[in-house]
Amino acid sequence: MTMASDKVVAVSSESFGSDVLNSDLPVLVDFWASWCGPCLMVAPLLDELADEMDGKVRIVKLNVDENQDIAMQFGVQSIPTFILFKGGEAADRMLGAMPKSAFEQFIERNA
């Protein structure tokens, strides 16, 4: 089993502004929860992408149970939801567990 990437950072309500909205790079936010099966399924894919796309996009995780204010602010109603932020704005979103290729296309389309 591979180790989780050290490039996938957990963000919180407190760090969301600095880590996501003020980032120089586009940021893919994984809205997830520990009880969500599909969320856990895609975690290794996001680790791989974080390594492969280092310098092009940042990938962060936001636990919706611990940071409900941010989830509500961006209208996240089901998880996993993935929102790509660019220049402090939500540029695009994807819902549900996807294959790695779908994440790559999503990022390429928006980064």
Foldseek 3Di string as FASTA:
>chain_A
DDDAAPQAAEDAPVCCCVPAQVDQAKEKEFAAAPVDPQSVVCRNLVSVCCVVCPPHYGYYYYDCVRHVVVCVVVVPDDPRKIFIDDNRHGDDIDHTRDDSVVVVVVSVVPD
